[in-house]
Amino acid sequence: MQPDPVEDGVIDQARTAAVDYGNRRTNYLWDPNDPTVWPSPQLPDTVFQACVLHASRLYRRRDTVDGTISWGDAGVVRVGRADPDIEALYGSVGPVVFG
């Protein structure tokens, strides 16, 4: 694949947003541009995986304004705001908050 400045910018924006959310959600403050952070024993694999999945979801969601994506013959698929798998990954390492 050849570099594409437009798509690379969108991917980087999704990655940055996912890392920002992950930092706030889990209290693991890490900079994904720092080569000493990953792989690191201080950052659980679960947090990294959650951020990768979250960034992928944000990137795919950009194709739709109303949360639906057409899959041709398969019909229309709704892309919800939250993914239960991503939330479970974040929740498994995040701080427990009591109301």
PDB file of N, CA and C in Angstrom:
ATOM      1  N   MET A   1       0.836  -1.173   0.000  1.00  0.00           N
ATOM      2  CA  MET A   1       0.000   0.000   0.000  1.00  0.00           C
ATOM      3  C   MET A   1       0.887   1.244   0.000  1.00  0.00           C
ATOM      4  N   GLN A   2       0.498   2.186  -0.795  1.00  0.00           N
ATOM      5  CA  GLN A   2       1.216   3.445  -0.870  1.00  0.00           C
ATOM      6  C   GLN A   2       0.668   4.410   0.186  1.00  0.00           C
ATOM      7  N   PRO A   3       1.535   5.284   0.697  1.00  0.00           N
ATOM      8  CA  PRO A   3       1.041   6.285   1.657  1.00  0.00           C
ATOM      9  C   PRO A   3      -0.024   7.178   1.025  1.00  0.00           C
ATOM     10  N   ASP A   4      -1.030   7.484   1.788  1.00  0.00           N
ATOM     11  CA  ASP A   4      -2.105   8.363   1.346  1.00  0.00           C
ATOM     12  C   ASP A   4      -2.287   9.424   2.424  1.00  0.00           C
ATOM     13  N   PRO A   5      -1.872  10.656   2.174  1.00  0.00           N
ATOM     14  CA  PRO A   5      -1.923  11.686   3.218  1.00  0.00           C
ATOM     15  C   PRO A   5      -3.321  11.902   3.800  1.00  0.00           C
ATOM     16  N   VAL A   6      -4.340  11.805   2.973  1.00  0.00           N
ATOM     17  CA  VAL A   6      -5.702  12.035   3.469  1.00  0.00           C
ATOM     18  C   VAL A   6      -6.127  10.893   4.391  1.00  0.00           C
ATOM     19  N   GLU A   7      -6.013   9.651   3.922  1.00  0.00           N
ATOM     20  CA  GLU A   7      -6.420   8.500   4.734  1.00  0.00           C
ATOM     21  C   GLU A   7      -5.529   8.347   5.964  1.00  0.00           C
ATOM     22  N   ASP A   8      -4.237   8.599   5.806  1.00  0.00           N
ATOM     23  CA  ASP A   8      -3.326   8.501   6.949  1.00  0.00           C
ATOM     24  C   ASP A   8      -3.717   9.504   8.033  1.00  0.00           C
ATOM     25  N   GLY A   9      -4.154  10.680   7.621  1.00  0.00           N
ATOM     26  CA  GLY A   9      -4.602  11.685   8.586  1.00  0.00           C
ATOM     27  C   GLY A   9      -5.851  11.240   9.325  1.00  0.00           C
ATOM     28  N   VAL A  10      -6.781  10.619   8.606  1.00  0.00           N
ATOM     29  CA  VAL A  10      -8.022  10.134   9.230  1.00  0.00           C
ATOM     30  C   VAL A  10      -7.712   8.993  10.193  1.00  0.00           C
ATOM     31  N   ILE A  11      -6.840   8.093   9.779  1.00  0.00           N
ATOM     32  CA  ILE A  11      -6.456   6.970  10.645  1.00  0.00           C
ATOM     33  C   ILE A  11      -5.769   7.486  11.902  1.00  0.00           C
ATOM     34  N   ASP A  12      -4.864   8.449  11.731  1.00  0.00           N
ATOM     35  CA  ASP A  12      -4.152   8.994  12.884  1.00  0.00           C
ATOM     36  C   ASP A  12      -5.109   9.719  13.835  1.00  0.00           C
ATOM     37  N   GLN A  13      -6.091  10.396  13.282  1.00  0.00           N
ATOM     38  CA  GLN A  13      -7.077  11.081  14.121  1.00  0.00           C
ATOM     39  C   GLN A  13      -7.894  10.073  14.925  1.00  0.00           C
ATOM     40  N   ALA A  14      -8.295   8.969  14.299  1.00  0.00           N
ATOM     41  CA  ALA A  14      -9.042   7.930  15.007  1.00  0.00           C
ATOM     42  C   ALA A  14      -8.172   7.296  16.092  1.00  0.00           C
ATOM     43  N   ARG A  15      -6.908   7.046  15.784  1.00  0.00           N
ATOM     44  CA  ARG A  15      -5.988   6.464  16.761  1.00  0.00           C
ATOM     45  C   ARG A  15      -5.795   7.393  17.953  1.00  0.00           C
ATOM     46  N   THR A  16      -5.594   8.661  17.676  1.00  0.00           N
ATOM     47  CA  THR A  16      -5.394   9.637  18.748  1.00  0.00           C
ATOM     48  C   THR A  16      -6.639   9.746  19.632  1.00  0.00           C
ATOM     49  N   ALA A  17      -7.815   9.746  19.020  1.00  0.00           N
ATOM     50  CA  ALA A  17      -9.061   9.824  19.793  1.00  0.00           C
ATOM     51  C   ALA A  17      -9.241   8.589  20.670  1.00  0.00           C
ATOM     52  N   ALA A  18      -8.926   7.415  20.125  1.00  0.00           N
ATOM     53  CA  ALA A  18      -9.065   6.184  20.906  1.00  0.00           C
ATOM     54  C   ALA A  18      -8.085   6.156  22.068  1.00  0.00           C
ATOM     55  N   VAL A  19      -6.855   6.594  21.844  1.00  0.00           N
ATOM     56  CA  VAL A  19      -5.856   6.619  22.917  1.00  0.00           C
ATOM     57  C   VAL A  19      -6.263   7.627  23.984  1.00  0.00           C
ATOM     58  N   ASP A  20      -6.777   8.779  23.564  1.00  0.00           N
ATOM     59  CA  ASP A  20      -7.230   9.783  24.531  1.00  0.00           C
ATOM     60  C   ASP A  20      -8.354   9.220  25.399  1.00  0.00           C
ATOM     61  N   TYR A  21      -9.318   8.571  24.767  1.00  0.00           N
ATOM     62  CA  TYR A  21     -10.413   7.968  25.520  1.00  0.00           C
ATOM     63  C   TYR A  21      -9.887   6.876  26.454  1.00  0.00           C
ATOM     64  N   GLY A  22      -8.983   6.052  25.935  1.00  0.00           N
ATOM     65  CA  GLY A  22      -8.406   4.978  26.746  1.00  0.00           C
ATOM     66  C   GLY A  22      -7.648   5.514  27.948  1.00  0.00           C
ATOM     67  N   ASN A  23      -6.907   6.600  27.758  1.00  0.00           N
ATOM     68  CA  ASN A  23      -6.186   7.216  28.872  1.00  0.00           C
ATOM     69  C   ASN A  23      -7.139   7.709  29.946  1.00  0.00           C
ATOM     70  N   ARG A  24      -8.212   8.373  29.520  1.00  0.00           N
ATOM     71  CA  ARG A  24      -9.176   8.896  30.497  1.00  0.00           C
ATOM     72  C   ARG A  24      -9.955   7.772  31.168  1.00  0.00           C
ATOM     73  N   ARG A  25     -10.250   6.743  30.415  1.00  0.00           N
ATOM     74  CA  ARG A  25     -11.076   5.646  30.930  1.00  0.00           C
ATOM     75  C   ARG A  25     -10.327   4.744  31.899  1.00  0.00           C
ATOM     76  N   THR A  26      -9.039   4.528  31.664  1.00  0.00           N
ATOM     77  CA  THR A  26      -8.300   3.533  32.446  1.00  0.00           C
ATOM     78  C   THR A  26      -7.255   4.124  33.384  1.00  0.00           C
ATOM     79  N   ASN A  27      -6.992   5.403  33.273  1.00  0.00           N
ATOM     80  CA  ASN A  27      -5.957   6.065  34.072  1.00  0.00           C
ATOM     81  C   ASN A  27      -4.547   5.569  33.764  1.00  0.00           C
ATOM     82  N   TYR A  28      -4.335   4.911  32.620  1.00  0.00           N
ATOM     83  CA  TYR A  28      -2.999   4.589  32.140  1.00  0.00           C
ATOM     84  C   TYR A  28      -2.625   5.679  31.161  1.00  0.00           C
ATOM     85  N   LEU A  29      -1.855   6.637  31.612  1.00  0.00           N
ATOM     86  CA  LEU A  29      -1.481   7.750  30.743  1.00  0.00           C
ATOM     87  C   LEU A  29      -0.269   7.341  29.929  1.00  0.00           C
ATOM     88  N   TRP A  30      -0.472   7.125  28.635  1.00  0.00           N
ATOM     89  CA  TRP A  30       0.609   6.698  27.765  1.00  0.00           C
ATOM     90  C   TRP A  30       0.543   7.432  26.444  1.00  0.00           C
ATOM     91  N   ASP A  31       1.691   7.629  25.878  1.00  0.00           N
ATOM     92  CA  ASP A  31       1.821   8.300  24.590  1.00  0.00           C
ATOM     93  C   ASP A  31       2.152   7.236  23.548  1.00  0.00           C
ATOM     94  N   PRO A  32       1.259   6.975  22.588  1.00  0.00           N
ATOM     95  CA  PRO A  32       1.518   5.918  21.611  1.00  0.00           C
ATOM     96  C   PRO A  32       2.682   6.238  20.680  1.00  0.00           C
ATOM     97  N   ASN A  33       3.141   7.474  20.662  1.00  0.00           N
ATOM     98  CA  ASN A  33       4.272   7.834  19.815  1.00  0.00           C
ATOM     99  C   ASN A  33       5.610   7.615  20.514  1.00  0.00           C
ATOM    100  N   ASP A  34       5.581   7.255  21.781  1.00  0.00           N
ATOM    101  CA  ASP A  34       6.798   7.006  22.546  1.00  0.00           C
ATOM    102  C   ASP A  34       7.190   5.533  22.370  1.00  0.00           C
ATOM    103  N   PRO A  35       8.327   5.255  21.726  1.00  0.00           N
ATOM    104  CA  PRO A  35       8.704   3.858  21.456  1.00  0.00           C
ATOM    105  C   PRO A  35       9.035   3.060  22.710  1.00  0.00           C
ATOM    106  N   THR A  36       9.235   3.726  23.835  1.00  0.00           N
ATOM    107  CA  THR A  36       9.547   2.993  25.061  1.00  0.00           C
ATOM    108  C   THR A  36       8.298   2.505  25.778  1.00  0.00           C
ATOM    109  N   VAL A  37       7.135   2.935  25.317  1.00  0.00           N
ATOM    110  CA  VAL A  37       5.882   2.581  26.004  1.00  0.00           C
ATOM    111  C   VAL A  37       5.367   1.218  25.578  1.00  0.00           C
ATOM    112  N   TRP A  38       5.461   0.923  24.292  1.00  0.00           N
ATOM    113  CA  TRP A  38       4.894  -0.341  23.814  1.00  0.00           C
ATOM    114  C   TRP A  38       5.939  -1.140  23.097  1.00  0.00           C
ATOM    115  N   PRO A  39       6.197  -2.373  23.407  1.00  0.00           N
ATOM    116  CA  PRO A  39       5.553  -3.102  24.498  1.00  0.00           C
ATOM    117  C   PRO A  39       6.123  -2.701  25.841  1.00  0.00           C
ATOM    118  N   SER A  40       5.296  -2.698  26.832  1.00  0.00           N
ATOM    119  CA  SER A  40       5.725  -2.270  28.161  1.00  0.00           C
ATOM    120  C   SER A  40       4.923  -3.014  29.219  1.00  0.00           C
ATOM    121  N   PRO A  41       5.573  -3.415  30.296  1.00  0.00           N
ATOM    122  CA  PRO A  41       4.807  -4.070  31.366  1.00  0.00           C
ATOM    123  C   PRO A  41       3.862  -3.114  32.076  1.00  0.00           C
ATOM    124  N   GLN A  42       4.089  -1.795  31.936  1.00  0.00           N
ATOM    125  CA  GLN A  42       3.208  -0.834  32.590  1.00  0.00           C
ATOM    126  C   GLN A  42       1.871  -0.689  31.863  1.00  0.00           C
ATOM    127  N   LEU A  43       1.837  -1.017  30.589  1.00  0.00           N
ATOM    128  CA  LEU A  43       0.604  -0.895  29.807  1.00  0.00           C
ATOM    129  C   LEU A  43       0.054  -2.285  29.509  1.00  0.00           C
ATOM    130  N   PRO A  44      -1.056  -2.647  30.100  1.00  0.00           N
ATOM    131  CA  PRO A  44      -1.608  -3.979  29.857  1.00  0.00           C
ATOM    132  C   PRO A  44      -1.988  -4.184  28.391  1.00  0.00           C
ATOM    133  N   ASP A  45      -1.853  -5.421  27.919  1.00  0.00           N
ATOM    134  CA  ASP A  45      -2.262  -5.764  26.557  1.00  0.00           C
ATOM    135  C   ASP A  45      -3.725  -5.430  26.324  1.00  0.00           C
ATOM    136  N   THR A  46      -4.529  -5.542  27.356  1.00  0.00           N
ATOM    137  CA  THR A  46      -5.960  -5.272  27.243  1.00  0.00           C
ATOM    138  C   THR A  46      -6.221  -3.831  26.848  1.00  0.00           C
ATOM    139  N   VAL A  47      -5.476  -2.896  27.419  1.00  0.00           N
ATOM    140  CA  VAL A  47      -5.660  -1.481  27.087  1.00  0.00           C
ATOM    141  C   VAL A  47      -5.240  -1.229  25.645  1.00  0.00           C
ATOM    142  N   PHE A  48      -4.123  -1.797  25.244  1.00  0.00           N
ATOM    143  CA  PHE A  48      -3.655  -1.624  23.869  1.00  0.00           C
ATOM    144  C   PHE A  48      -4.675  -2.181  22.879  1.00  0.00           C
ATOM    145  N   GLN A  49      -5.171  -3.400  23.134  1.00  0.00           N
ATOM    146  CA  GLN A  49      -6.155  -4.022  22.252  1.00  0.00           C
ATOM    147  C   GLN A  49      -7.436  -3.203  22.189  1.00  0.00           C
ATOM    148  N   ALA A  50      -7.883  -2.699  23.322  1.00  0.00           N
ATOM    149  CA  ALA A  50      -9.101  -1.875  23.343  1.00  0.00           C
ATOM    150  C   ALA A  50      -8.912  -0.631  22.484  1.00  0.00           C
ATOM    151  N   CYS A  51      -7.757   0.009  22.568  1.00  0.00           N
ATOM    152  CA  CYS A  51      -7.497   1.216  21.778  1.00  0.00           C
ATOM    153  C   CYS A  51      -7.426   0.904  20.288  1.00  0.00           C
ATOM    154  N   VAL A  52      -6.828  -0.233  19.928  1.00  0.00           N
ATOM    155  CA  VAL A  52      -6.757  -0.612  18.509  1.00  0.00           C
ATOM    156  C   VAL A  52      -8.160  -0.857  17.955  1.00  0.00           C
ATOM    157  N   LEU A  53      -8.973  -1.616  18.694  1.00  0.00           N
ATOM    158  CA  LEU A  53     -10.347  -1.882  18.249  1.00  0.00           C
ATOM    159  C   LEU A  53     -11.174  -0.602  18.192  1.00  0.00           C
ATOM    160  N   HIS A  54     -10.996   0.257  19.176  1.00  0.00           N
ATOM    161  CA  HIS A  54     -11.738   1.508  19.231  1.00  0.00           C
ATOM    162  C   HIS A  54     -11.362   2.406  18.053  1.00  0.00           C
ATOM    163  N   ALA A  55     -10.069   2.502  17.756  1.00  0.00           N
ATOM    164  CA  ALA A  55      -9.623   3.311  16.614  1.00  0.00           C
ATOM    165  C   ALA A  55     -10.188   2.761  15.311  1.00  0.00           C
ATOM    166  N   SER A  56     -10.198   1.447  15.178  1.00  0.00           N
ATOM    167  CA  SER A  56     -10.756   0.827  13.975  1.00  0.00           C
ATOM    168  C   SER A  56     -12.238   1.152  13.831  1.00  0.00           C
ATOM    169  N   ARG A  57     -12.947   1.110  14.932  1.00  0.00           N
ATOM    170  CA  ARG A  57     -14.383   1.421  14.915  1.00  0.00           C
ATOM    171  C   ARG A  57     -14.626   2.882  14.554  1.00  0.00           C
ATOM    172  N   LEU A  58     -13.829   3.786  15.122  1.00  0.00           N
ATOM    173  CA  LEU A  58     -13.960   5.205  14.790  1.00  0.00           C
ATOM    174  C   LEU A  58     -13.650   5.459  13.324  1.00  0.00           C
ATOM    175  N   TYR A  59     -12.641   4.791  12.799  1.00  0.00           N
ATOM    176  CA  TYR A  59     -12.279   4.945  11.393  1.00  0.00           C
ATOM    177  C   TYR A  59     -13.420   4.480  10.482  1.00  0.00           C
ATOM    178  N   ARG A  60     -14.003   3.352  10.798  1.00  0.00           N
ATOM    179  CA  ARG A  60     -15.103   2.820   9.984  1.00  0.00           C
ATOM    180  C   ARG A  60     -16.355   3.693  10.117  1.00  0.00           C
ATOM    181  N   ARG A  61     -16.571   4.243  11.276  1.00  0.00           N
ATOM    182  CA  ARG A  61     -17.776   5.048  11.533  1.00  0.00           C
ATOM    183  C   ARG A  61     -17.775   6.346  10.729  1.00  0.00           C
ATOM    184  N   ARG A  62     -16.598   6.816  10.292  1.00  0.00           N
ATOM    185  CA  ARG A  62     -16.517   8.075   9.556  1.00  0.00           C
ATOM    186  C   ARG A  62     -17.272   8.017   8.234  1.00  0.00           C
ATOM    187  N   ASP A  63     -17.539   6.809   7.736  1.00  0.00           N
ATOM    188  CA  ASP A  63     -18.233   6.646   6.461  1.00  0.00           C
ATOM    189  C   ASP A  63     -19.725   6.924   6.551  1.00  0.00           C
ATOM    190  N   THR A  64     -20.210   7.165   7.733  1.00  0.00           N
ATOM    191  CA  THR A  64     -21.642   7.336   7.901  1.00  0.00           C
ATOM    192  C   THR A  64     -21.957   8.481   8.849  1.00  0.00           C
ATOM    193  N   VAL A  65     -22.981   9.194   8.513  1.00  0.00           N
ATOM    194  CA  VAL A  65     -23.416  10.294   9.366  1.00  0.00           C
ATOM    195  C   VAL A  65     -24.463   9.812  10.363  1.00  0.00           C
ATOM    196  N   ASP A  66     -25.340   8.937   9.910  1.00  0.00           N
ATOM    197  CA  ASP A  66     -26.460   8.510  10.748  1.00  0.00           C
ATOM    198  C   ASP A  66     -26.246   7.167  11.440  1.00  0.00           C
ATOM    199  N   GLY A  67     -25.055   6.582  11.304  1.00  0.00           N
ATOM    200  CA  GLY A  67     -24.767   5.341  12.002  1.00  0.00           C
ATOM    201  C   GLY A  67     -25.130   4.084  11.242  1.00  0.00           C
ATOM    202  N   THR A  68     -25.428   4.196   9.950  1.00  0.00           N
ATOM    203  CA  THR A  68     -25.729   3.017   9.150  1.00  0.00           C
ATOM    204  C   THR A  68     -24.770   2.921   7.975  1.00  0.00           C
ATOM    205  N   ILE A  69     -24.429   1.678   7.607  1.00  0.00           N
ATOM    206  CA  ILE A  69     -23.538   1.433   6.475  1.00  0.00           C
ATOM    207  C   ILE A  69     -24.227   0.437   5.556  1.00  0.00           C
ATOM    208  N   SER A  70     -24.227   0.722   4.270  1.00  0.00           N
ATOM    209  CA  SER A  70     -24.820  -0.178   3.297  1.00  0.00           C
ATOM    210  C   SER A  70     -23.806  -1.252   2.899  1.00  0.00           C
ATOM    211  N   TRP A  71     -24.241  -2.507   2.930  1.00  0.00           N
ATOM    212  CA  TRP A  71     -23.392  -3.631   2.565  1.00  0.00           C
ATOM    213  C   TRP A  71     -23.888  -4.269   1.265  1.00  0.00           C
ATOM    214  N   GLY A  72     -24.360  -3.472   0.345  1.00  0.00           N
ATOM    215  CA  GLY A  72     -24.800  -3.980  -0.952  1.00  0.00           C
ATOM    216  C   GLY A  72     -26.003  -4.893  -0.824  1.00  0.00           C
ATOM    217  N   ASP A  73     -25.846  -6.137  -1.280  1.00  0.00           N
ATOM    218  CA  ASP A  73     -26.947  -7.103  -1.242  1.00  0.00           C
ATOM    219  C   ASP A  73     -27.333  -7.513   0.168  1.00  0.00           C
ATOM    220  N   ALA A  74     -26.419  -7.365   1.111  1.00  0.00           N
ATOM    221  CA  ALA A  74     -26.697  -7.772   2.489  1.00  0.00           C
ATOM    222  C   ALA A  74     -27.609  -6.788   3.208  1.00  0.00           C
ATOM    223  N   GLY A  75     -27.769  -5.609   2.657  1.00  0.00           N
ATOM    224  CA  GLY A  75     -28.638  -4.629   3.279  1.00  0.00           C
ATOM    225  C   GLY A  75     -27.866  -3.585   4.059  1.00  0.00           C
ATOM    226  N   VAL A  76     -28.545  -2.987   5.004  1.00  0.00           N
ATOM    227  CA  VAL A  76     -27.974  -1.907   5.798  1.00  0.00           C
ATOM    228  C   VAL A  76     -27.621  -2.433   7.188  1.00  0.00           C
ATOM    229  N   VAL A  77     -26.467  -2.049   7.663  1.00  0.00           N
ATOM    230  CA  VAL A  77     -26.005  -2.461   8.987  1.00  0.00           C
ATOM    231  C   VAL A  77     -25.839  -1.217   9.847  1.00  0.00           C
ATOM    232  N   ARG A  78     -26.303  -1.283  11.065  1.00  0.00           N
ATOM    233  CA  ARG A  78     -26.165  -0.151  11.994  1.00  0.00           C
ATOM    234  C   ARG A  78     -24.869  -0.291  12.769  1.00  0.00           C
ATOM    235  N   VAL A  79     -24.108   0.788  12.805  1.00  0.00           N
ATOM    236  CA  VAL A  79     -22.887   0.848  13.603  1.00  0.00           C
ATOM    237  C   VAL A  79     -23.225   1.665  14.840  1.00  0.00           C
ATOM    238  N   GLY A  80     -23.379   0.997  15.949  1.00  0.00           N
ATOM    239  CA  GLY A  80     -23.785   1.658  17.182  1.00  0.00           C
ATOM    240  C   GLY A  80     -22.682   2.529  17.762  1.00  0.00           C
ATOM    241  N   ARG A  81     -23.047   3.318  18.752  1.00  0.00           N
ATOM    242  CA  ARG A  81     -22.083   4.221  19.381  1.00  0.00           C
ATOM    243  C   ARG A  81     -21.084   3.472  20.239  1.00  0.00           C
ATOM    244  N   ALA A  82     -21.499   2.395  20.854  1.00  0.00           N
ATOM    245  CA  ALA A  82     -20.609   1.666  21.762  1.00  0.00           C
ATOM    246  C   ALA A  82     -20.504   0.209  21.325  1.00  0.00           C
ATOM    247  N   ASP A  83     -19.332  -0.359  21.509  1.00  0.00           N
ATOM    248  CA  ASP A  83     -19.097  -1.761  21.202  1.00  0.00           C
ATOM    249  C   ASP A  83     -18.927  -2.492  22.534  1.00  0.00           C
ATOM    250  N   PRO A  84     -19.717  -3.517  22.791  1.00  0.00           N
ATOM    251  CA  PRO A  84     -19.623  -4.202  24.082  1.00  0.00           C
ATOM    252  C   PRO A  84     -18.249  -4.835  24.319  1.00  0.00           C
ATOM    253  N   ASP A  85     -17.589  -5.315  23.273  1.00  0.00           N
ATOM    254  CA  ASP A  85     -16.264  -5.910  23.443  1.00  0.00           C
ATOM    255  C   ASP A  85     -15.238  -4.870  23.873  1.00  0.00           C
ATOM    256  N   ILE A  86     -15.295  -3.709  23.251  1.00  0.00           N
ATOM    257  CA  ILE A  86     -14.362  -2.632  23.599  1.00  0.00           C
ATOM    258  C   ILE A  86     -14.629  -2.163  25.022  1.00  0.00           C
ATOM    259  N   GLU A  87     -15.887  -1.992  25.369  1.00  0.00           N
ATOM    260  CA  GLU A  87     -16.230  -1.557  26.717  1.00  0.00           C
ATOM    261  C   GLU A  87     -15.789  -2.591  27.756  1.00  0.00           C
ATOM    262  N   ALA A  88     -15.909  -3.871  27.420  1.00  0.00           N
ATOM    263  CA  ALA A  88     -15.474  -4.912  28.353  1.00  0.00           C
ATOM    264  C   ALA A  88     -13.961  -4.866  28.549  1.00  0.00           C
ATOM    265  N   LEU A  89     -13.219  -4.635  27.474  1.00  0.00           N
ATOM    266  CA  LEU A  89     -11.757  -4.535  27.598  1.00  0.00           C
ATOM    267  C   LEU A  89     -11.363  -3.337  28.456  1.00  0.00           C
ATOM    268  N   TYR A  90     -11.944  -2.180  28.166  1.00  0.00           N
ATOM    269  CA  TYR A  90     -11.649  -0.999  28.982  1.00  0.00           C
ATOM    270  C   TYR A  90     -12.068  -1.224  30.428  1.00  0.00           C
ATOM    271  N   GLY A  91     -13.244  -1.792  30.625  1.00  0.00           N
ATOM    272  CA  GLY A  91     -13.768  -1.995  31.965  1.00  0.00           C
ATOM    273  C   GLY A  91     -12.976  -2.986  32.794  1.00  0.00           C
ATOM    274  N   SER A  92     -12.305  -3.933  32.126  1.00  0.00           N
ATOM    275  CA  SER A  92     -11.562  -4.931  32.875  1.00  0.00           C
ATOM    276  C   SER A  92     -10.298  -4.374  33.535  1.00  0.00           C
ATOM    277  N   VAL A  93      -9.819  -3.241  33.061  1.00  0.00           N
ATOM    278  CA  VAL A  93      -8.599  -2.660  33.653  1.00  0.00           C
ATOM    279  C   VAL A  93      -8.835  -1.278  34.214  1.00  0.00           C
ATOM    280  N   GLY A  94      -9.967  -0.688  33.900  1.00  0.00           N
ATOM    281  CA  GLY A  94     -10.236   0.668  34.368  1.00  0.00           C
ATOM    282  C   GLY A  94     -10.550   0.719  35.837  1.00  0.00           C
ATOM    283  N   PRO A  95     -10.518   1.909  36.383  1.00  0.00           N
ATOM    284  CA  PRO A  95     -10.826   2.052  37.798  1.00  0.00           C
ATOM    285  C   PRO A  95     -12.299   1.789  38.056  1.00  0.00           C
ATOM    286  N   VAL A  96     -12.581   1.209  39.198  1.00  0.00           N
ATOM    287  CA  VAL A  96     -13.960   0.967  39.591  1.00  0.00           C
ATOM    288  C   VAL A  96     -14.486   2.225  40.271  1.00  0.00           C
ATOM    289  N   VAL A  97     -15.615   2.706  39.769  1.00  0.00           N
ATOM    290  CA  VAL A  97     -16.192   3.937  40.312  1.00  0.00           C
ATOM    291  C   VAL A  97     -17.532   3.598  40.950  1.00  0.00           C
ATOM    292  N   PHE A  98     -17.678   3.986  42.186  1.00  0.00           N
ATOM    293  CA  PHE A  98     -18.950   3.792  42.882  1.00  0.00           C
ATOM    294  C   PHE A  98     -19.661   5.122  42.956  1.00  0.00           C
ATOM    295  N   GLY A  99     -20.944   5.112  42.533  1.00  0.00           N
ATOM    296  CA  GLY A  99     -21.789   6.271  42.415  1.00  0.00           C
ATOM    297  C   GLY A  99     -21.732   7.204  43.523  1.00  0.00           C
TER     298      GLY A  99
END
